[in-house]
Protein backbone atom coordinates (compact mmCIF):
# COMPACT_ATOMS: atom_id res chain seq x y z
CA MET A 1 148.95 142.71 127.56
CA SER A 2 150.39 142.15 124.37
CA GLY A 3 150.14 139.41 121.80
CA GLN A 4 152.52 136.39 122.36
CA LEU A 5 152.83 133.07 120.77
CA ASP A 6 151.12 130.18 122.01
CA LYS A 7 153.28 126.89 122.38
CA ARG A 8 150.40 124.92 120.25
CA GLY A 9 150.63 127.93 117.28
CA PRO A 10 147.99 130.18 117.45
CA LYS A 11 148.47 133.62 118.40
CA VAL A 12 146.48 134.71 121.35
CA THR A 13 146.06 137.50 123.47
CA LEU A 14 145.33 137.82 127.32
CA VAL A 15 142.55 140.38 128.18
CA ALA A 16 142.28 141.52 131.66
CA ALA A 17 138.75 141.77 132.93
CA GLY A 18 139.73 143.85 135.91
CA ARG A 19 139.66 142.22 139.69
CA SER A 20 136.15 141.44 141.16
CA THR A 21 135.73 143.29 144.59
CA GLY A 22 132.45 140.88 145.21
CA VAL A 23 128.91 140.59 143.43
CA PHE A 24 127.74 144.11 144.94
CA LYS A 25 130.38 146.02 143.41
CA ASP A 26 130.37 144.08 140.12
CA ALA A 27 126.48 144.72 140.07
CA LYS A 28 127.31 148.73 140.90
CA ASP A 29 129.40 148.80 138.13
CA LEU A 30 127.18 146.89 135.57
CA LEU A 31 124.24 149.38 136.52
CA GLY A 32 126.77 152.30 135.75
CA SER A 33 127.14 150.98 132.36
CA GLY A 34 123.58 152.04 131.01
CA GLU A 35 125.11 153.91 128.28
CA LEU A 36 127.31 151.40 126.87
CA LEU A 37 124.41 148.55 126.94
CA SER A 38 122.20 151.19 125.25
CA ALA A 39 124.58 151.67 122.45
CA LEU A 40 125.63 147.87 122.22
CA ILE A 41 121.99 147.13 121.83
CA GLY A 42 121.67 149.55 119.19
CA ARG A 43 124.47 147.99 117.37
CA GLU A 44 123.03 144.34 117.36
CA LEU A 45 120.12 145.55 116.32
CA ALA A 46 121.26 147.72 113.64
CA GLY A 47 123.93 145.18 112.40
CA LYS A 48 121.43 142.52 112.54
CA TYR A 49 118.81 144.07 110.08
CA LYS A 50 121.52 145.94 108.17
CA GLY A 51 120.50 146.29 104.41
CA SER A 52 117.29 144.49 105.01
CA PHE A 53 113.89 145.87 103.72
CA LEU A 54 111.73 144.52 106.14
CA GLY A 55 114.09 145.19 109.01
CA LEU A 56 112.62 144.54 112.51
CA GLY A 57 109.87 142.67 110.84
CA TRP A 58 112.00 139.76 110.10
CA THR A 59 111.58 139.13 113.84
CA LEU A 60 107.95 138.43 113.38
CA ILE A 61 108.17 136.01 110.23
CA ARG A 62 110.01 133.20 111.78
CA PRO A 63 107.81 133.05 114.61
CA LEU A 64 104.28 133.27 112.35
CA VAL A 65 106.07 130.51 110.14
CA MET A 66 106.80 127.99 113.03
CA LEU A 67 103.30 128.98 114.47
CA PHE A 68 101.75 127.85 110.97
CA ILE A 69 103.72 124.74 110.73
CA TYR A 70 103.11 123.64 114.35
CA ALA A 71 99.43 124.71 114.64
CA VAL A 72 98.83 122.41 111.03
CA VAL A 73 100.87 119.54 111.82
CA VAL A 74 100.90 119.05 115.70
CA GLY A 75 97.62 120.73 116.37
CA GLN A 76 95.37 118.92 113.42
CA PHE A 77 97.90 116.32 111.98
CA LEU A 78 98.60 114.76 114.89
CA GLY A 79 95.42 115.81 116.90
CA ALA A 80 97.10 117.96 119.42
CA ALA A 81 94.34 120.51 118.94
CA ARG A 82 91.45 118.30 119.98
CA GLY A 83 89.78 119.22 123.18
CA MET A 84 91.66 122.51 123.29
CA GLU A 85 90.32 125.87 122.37
CA LYS A 86 92.55 128.28 120.49
CA PHE A 87 95.16 125.78 120.27
CA ALA A 88 97.11 128.58 117.71
CA ILE A 89 97.34 131.03 120.68
CA PHE A 90 98.54 127.99 123.10
CA ILE A 91 101.45 127.35 120.49
CA PHE A 92 102.33 130.88 120.09
CA VAL A 93 102.41 132.03 123.58
CA GLY A 94 105.06 128.75 124.15
CA LEU A 95 107.04 129.91 121.22
CA LEU A 96 107.01 133.70 122.48
CA PHE A 97 108.55 132.68 125.44
CA TRP A 98 110.84 129.80 124.20
CA ASN A 99 112.40 132.39 121.66
CA LEU A 100 113.17 134.45 124.44
CA ILE A 101 114.91 131.96 126.27
CA SER A 102 116.51 130.56 123.06
CA GLU A 103 117.78 133.75 121.54
CA SER A 104 119.21 135.41 124.72
CA ILE A 105 121.03 132.02 125.61
CA SER A 106 122.50 130.93 122.00
CA MET A 107 123.41 134.91 121.48
CA GLY A 108 125.08 135.49 124.87
CA SER A 109 127.35 132.16 124.48
CA THR A 110 129.34 133.75 121.63
CA SER A 111 128.90 137.35 122.99
CA MET A 112 132.72 137.40 124.42
CA THR A 113 134.13 135.84 121.36
CA ALA A 114 131.94 137.82 118.80
CA ASN A 115 133.41 141.22 120.74
CA ALA A 116 137.13 140.10 120.96
CA SER A 117 138.16 143.24 119.36
CA LEU A 118 136.03 145.49 121.90
CA LEU A 119 137.49 143.46 124.55
CA LYS A 120 141.04 144.26 123.81
CA LYS A 121 140.57 147.94 123.55
CA VAL A 122 139.04 149.17 126.70
CA TRP A 123 138.00 147.58 129.97
CA PHE A 124 134.33 147.75 131.20
CA PRO A 125 132.05 145.34 132.92
CA ARG A 126 132.09 142.06 130.95
CA GLU A 127 128.93 140.95 132.26
CA VAL A 128 127.46 143.80 129.84
CA LEU A 129 128.18 141.63 126.53
CA PRO A 130 126.04 138.73 127.74
CA LEU A 131 123.70 141.24 129.22
CA THR A 132 123.11 142.76 125.65
CA SER A 133 122.02 139.52 124.17
CA PHE A 134 119.28 139.04 126.75
CA ALA A 135 118.24 142.96 126.14
CA VAL A 136 118.25 142.35 122.27
CA ALA A 137 115.98 139.00 122.74
CA THR A 138 113.48 140.90 125.18
CA VAL A 139 113.16 143.55 122.34
CA ASN A 140 112.24 140.62 119.73
CA PHE A 141 109.83 139.43 122.84
CA LEU A 142 108.18 142.31 122.94
CA VAL A 143 107.71 142.90 119.22
CA GLN A 144 106.36 139.36 118.59
CA GLY A 145 104.19 140.15 121.52
CA ALA A 146 102.20 142.45 119.67
CA VAL A 147 101.02 139.75 117.27
CA LEU A 148 99.91 137.75 120.33
CA ILE A 149 97.27 141.08 120.96
CA LEU A 150 96.41 140.99 117.52
CA ALA A 151 95.40 137.58 118.17
CA PHE A 152 93.56 138.38 121.25
CA LEU A 153 91.58 140.91 118.92
CA LEU A 154 91.07 138.68 116.16
CA PHE A 155 89.69 136.05 118.28
CA ASN A 156 87.76 138.19 120.50
CA SER A 157 88.88 136.59 123.49
CA TRP A 158 91.38 138.04 126.10
CA PRO A 159 93.37 136.24 129.32
CA GLN A 160 91.75 136.67 132.85
CA VAL A 161 93.17 139.43 134.45
CA GLY A 162 94.05 137.50 137.39
CA ASN A 163 96.04 135.02 135.64
CA LEU A 164 98.36 138.08 134.05
CA LEU A 165 99.83 137.52 137.80
CA TYR A 166 101.96 134.53 136.40
CA LEU A 167 104.07 136.85 134.29
CA ILE A 168 105.85 137.94 137.63
CA PRO A 169 107.39 134.81 138.57
CA ALA A 170 107.66 133.78 134.70
CA VAL A 171 110.01 136.98 134.30
CA LEU A 172 111.81 136.49 137.68
CA ILE A 173 112.59 132.83 136.64
CA VAL A 174 113.73 133.57 132.96
CA PHE A 175 115.96 136.91 133.61
CA PRO A 176 118.21 134.96 135.94
CA VAL A 177 118.66 131.80 134.41
CA ALA A 178 119.05 132.92 130.78
CA PHE A 179 121.60 135.64 131.63
CA GLY A 180 123.41 133.24 134.64
CA MET A 181 123.69 130.71 131.55
CA SER A 182 124.91 133.34 128.88
CA LEU A 183 127.36 134.46 131.48
CA VAL A 184 128.99 130.65 132.10
CA PHE A 185 128.65 129.82 128.56
CA SER A 186 130.36 132.99 127.19
CA VAL A 187 133.38 132.70 129.15
CA LEU A 188 133.64 128.88 128.64
CA ASN A 189 133.30 129.27 125.07
CA VAL A 190 136.13 131.41 124.71
CA ARG A 191 138.34 128.51 125.94
CA PHE A 192 136.34 125.80 124.32
CA ARG A 193 134.48 126.51 121.35
CA ASP A 194 132.72 123.43 121.38
CA THR A 195 130.52 125.20 124.25
CA GLN A 196 128.10 127.02 121.65
CA TYR A 197 127.58 123.74 119.72
CA ILE A 198 126.59 121.97 122.95
CA VAL A 199 124.46 124.68 123.95
CA GLU A 200 122.48 124.45 120.32
CA VAL A 201 121.96 120.51 121.27
CA GLY A 202 120.87 121.81 124.85
CA LEU A 203 118.39 124.32 123.28
CA LEU A 204 117.11 121.75 120.95
CA LEU A 205 116.56 119.22 124.10
CA GLY A 206 115.09 121.92 126.17
CA PHE A 207 112.37 122.94 123.29
CA TRP A 208 111.01 119.34 123.22
CA LEU A 209 111.16 118.96 127.27
CA SER A 210 109.32 122.19 127.75
CA PRO A 211 105.60 121.91 127.02
CA ILE A 212 105.34 124.32 124.23
CA LEU A 213 103.58 121.87 121.57
CA TYR A 214 101.91 119.94 123.65
CA PRO A 215 100.17 120.86 127.33
CA TRP A 216 101.45 120.09 130.59
CA LYS A 217 98.78 117.47 131.03
CA PHE A 218 99.83 115.38 128.16
CA ALA A 219 103.45 114.86 129.71
CA HIS A 220 101.72 114.36 133.30
CA ASP A 221 99.42 111.48 132.11
CA PHE A 222 101.97 109.75 129.93
CA LEU A 223 104.60 109.86 132.54
CA ALA A 224 101.97 108.90 135.27
CA SER A 225 101.66 105.72 133.27
CA ILE A 226 105.42 104.16 133.13
CA PRO A 227 107.46 102.63 135.70
CA PHE A 228 109.13 105.40 138.04
CA GLY A 229 106.80 107.91 136.46
CA SER A 230 106.57 110.05 139.69
CA VAL A 231 110.37 110.50 139.50
CA LEU A 232 110.49 111.13 136.21
CA GLN A 233 107.93 113.67 136.67
CA GLU A 234 109.82 115.55 139.46
CA ILE A 235 112.88 115.63 136.88
CA TYR A 236 110.81 117.17 134.25
CA LEU A 237 109.68 119.42 136.25
CA LEU A 238 113.35 120.62 137.34
CA ASN A 239 113.56 122.42 134.06
CA PRO A 240 113.10 125.90 134.79
CA PHE A 241 112.33 126.76 131.15
CA GLY A 242 109.09 124.57 131.36
CA LEU A 243 108.10 126.33 134.28
CA VAL A 244 108.45 129.44 132.51
CA VAL A 245 106.30 128.36 129.38
CA MET A 246 103.71 127.07 131.49
CA ALA A 247 103.49 130.32 133.82
CA GLY A 248 103.41 132.00 130.52
CA GLN A 249 100.43 129.88 128.93
CA GLN A 250 98.59 130.34 132.35
CA ALA A 251 98.72 134.02 132.05
CA LEU A 252 98.27 134.60 128.45
CA TRP A 253 96.11 131.40 127.32
CA PRO A 254 92.68 133.00 127.21
CA PRO A 255 89.78 131.20 129.49
CA ILE A 256 88.91 127.87 128.48
CA SER A 257 85.13 127.12 128.49
CA THR A 258 84.67 123.81 127.87
CA GLU A 259 84.84 120.96 130.56
CA ALA A 260 87.41 118.86 129.05
CA GLY A 261 89.64 122.11 128.43
CA SER A 262 89.55 122.83 132.24
CA ALA A 263 91.96 120.20 132.47
CA TYR A 264 94.65 122.17 130.84
CA GLN A 265 94.71 124.91 133.75
CA PHE A 266 98.24 124.29 135.07
CA PHE A 267 98.98 125.67 138.15
CA ASP A 268 97.07 123.88 141.32
CA SER A 269 98.72 124.32 144.76
CA PRO A 270 101.76 122.21 144.07
CA LEU A 271 102.78 123.63 140.84
CA SER A 272 102.42 127.08 142.41
CA THR A 273 104.87 126.49 145.26
CA ARG A 274 107.26 124.85 143.04
CA LEU A 275 107.09 127.73 140.56
CA TRP A 276 107.96 129.96 143.57
CA LEU A 277 110.83 128.02 144.64
CA SER A 278 112.12 128.10 141.21
CA VAL A 279 112.38 131.68 141.39
CA LEU A 280 114.45 131.76 144.46
CA ALA A 281 116.49 128.83 142.94
CA SER A 282 117.02 131.03 139.87
CA TRP A 283 118.64 134.19 141.68
CA ILE A 284 120.95 131.75 143.54
CA PHE A 285 121.54 130.05 140.26
CA LEU A 286 122.37 133.89 138.98
CA TYR A 287 124.66 134.77 141.89
CA LEU A 288 126.94 131.55 141.21
CA ALA A 289 126.90 132.36 137.78
CA GLN A 290 128.37 135.74 137.93
CA ARG A 291 130.78 134.46 140.81
CA ILE A 292 131.97 131.85 138.11
CA PHE A 293 132.05 134.39 135.29
CA ALA A 294 133.89 137.09 137.57
CA ARG A 295 136.93 134.71 138.40
CA MET A 296 137.19 133.22 134.95
CA ALA A 297 136.89 136.56 132.76
CA GLY A 298 140.07 137.85 134.45
CA THR A 299 141.94 135.25 132.42
CA VAL A 300 140.04 135.15 129.21
CA VAL A 301 142.12 134.24 126.35
CA VAL A 302 140.69 135.46 122.89
CA ASP A 303 141.82 133.82 119.51
CA LEU A 304 143.08 136.44 117.13
């Protein structure tokens, strides 16, 4: 549709996203857009590091600096590392998963507005744009994961093979929730530009409400000591990304030999059940998020 003048003044363009014929048809269209997805991923990575000498290496520098600061300040100055073996690896695993979460959601929430010119030129499944953000964050996740492997080599300590199975529910939660949030926030951000700032604040809160710089036991013990602690624990554990971080730590944090350290193994039977229930809830959430996106994307308004 051609440009027209809004009554409030700014020039806007209505961008038709196509009529959604159901989630399965939309999923089929998305799966058929692999070539476009690959091109967008390549463009995002190339554009992000264009003119940079280190290129993709900058993906490693920020988490390494954060690791150093948190391991020294939180671990040593504030004493969080006491009684915990290989605290630096514990911190890095948490940061690894959190960076995947935060990057995919923050980039995904602005993916529609950042690609306004592309939206106006050609029809394609609009879900490709938030999915590209998650894919780019996944590439960074894999690059940063190489540092974790080097840490295992340095400490000569490796995760238990059986614990690696916890990566399965972690992935089955992080993808649908992060992608689903990106779908909803991306289309909301087109209409309400405050959305991206709300997302920033929400991610900041999510970081501190997830056991990244501290083990779940610390939160558990504190909440158990205050009024309505059991209720607050249930609310705390509703955070799906906190469960993702805990599952990642359980999978990748090397075995703990000390008796005190054994308390930091997270998943007893109730938490394991909660983890798999969260997997189910996450995919239901993705379904609902895609339906909201499909309904709203047909009348997206892109400011010129």
